[in-house]
Amino acid sequence: MMGRQDIEKLIADIQQEQIQAALNASDRPESEEVYKEIGRAKGLAYAIGLLKEKLRG
């Protein structure tokens, strides 16, 4: 079972990935890759939400 500290670190790591996805999208011209990075960032946001719920519960 993951402890609170482990979950908080995982959230921070995922947030870093989310920032990287946004940077990747901004570096590319309008293309399919931009939409892939946006989708990736949205998926990571969902994962963060689930982990924060776990911390509250």
Protein backbone atom coordinates (compact mmCIF):
# COMPACT_ATOMS: atom_id res chain seq x y z
CA MET A 1 0.00 0.00 0.00
CA MET A 2 1.27 3.45 -0.88
CA GLY A 3 1.65 5.93 1.93
CA ARG A 4 0.68 9.58 1.80
CA GLN A 5 4.25 10.66 1.06
CA ASP A 6 4.53 8.19 -1.83
CA ILE A 7 1.28 9.46 -3.34
CA GLU A 8 2.34 13.10 -2.98
CA LYS A 9 5.63 12.32 -4.75
CA LEU A 10 3.77 10.50 -7.50
CA ILE A 11 1.48 13.52 -7.96
CA ALA A 12 4.53 15.80 -8.23
CA ASP A 13 6.14 13.46 -10.78
CA ILE A 14 2.94 13.36 -12.85
CA GLN A 15 2.68 17.15 -12.71
CA GLN A 16 6.21 17.36 -14.12
CA GLU A 17 5.15 15.06 -16.96
CA GLN A 18 2.12 17.27 -17.55
CA ILE A 19 4.34 20.35 -17.80
CA GLN A 20 6.60 18.52 -20.23
CA ALA A 21 3.61 17.55 -22.38
CA ALA A 22 2.52 21.19 -22.52
CA LEU A 23 6.03 22.30 -23.46
CA ASN A 24 6.23 19.63 -26.15
CA ALA A 25 2.91 20.79 -27.59
CA SER A 26 4.01 24.44 -27.62
CA ASP A 27 7.29 23.59 -29.37
CA ARG A 28 5.61 21.92 -32.32
CA PRO A 29 3.82 23.52 -35.21
CA GLU A 30 0.11 22.76 -35.53
CA SER A 31 0.08 19.04 -36.15
CA GLU A 32 -1.24 15.73 -34.92
CA GLU A 33 1.59 15.63 -32.36
CA VAL A 34 0.17 18.71 -30.63
CA TYR A 35 -3.14 16.95 -30.13
CA LYS A 36 -1.37 13.86 -28.81
CA GLU A 37 0.48 15.95 -26.22
CA ILE A 38 -2.74 17.73 -25.22
CA GLY A 39 -4.43 14.35 -24.79
CA ARG A 40 -1.49 13.17 -22.73
CA ALA A 41 -1.74 16.22 -20.47
CA LYS A 42 -5.48 15.65 -20.00
CA GLY A 43 -4.89 12.01 -19.09
CA LEU A 44 -2.26 13.03 -16.57
CA ALA A 45 -4.67 15.58 -15.06
CA TYR A 46 -7.21 12.79 -14.60
CA ALA A 47 -4.61 10.61 -12.88
CA ILE A 48 -3.70 13.47 -10.54
CA GLY A 49 -7.37 13.90 -9.66
CA LEU A 50 -7.69 10.23 -8.77
CA LEU A 51 -4.59 10.33 -6.59
CA LYS A 52 -5.78 13.46 -4.77
CA GLU A 53 -9.09 11.75 -4.09
CA LYS A 54 -7.18 8.83 -2.62
CA LEU A 55 -5.34 11.23 -0.31
CA ARG A 56 -8.61 12.77 0.88
CA GLY A 57 -10.29 9.40 1.39
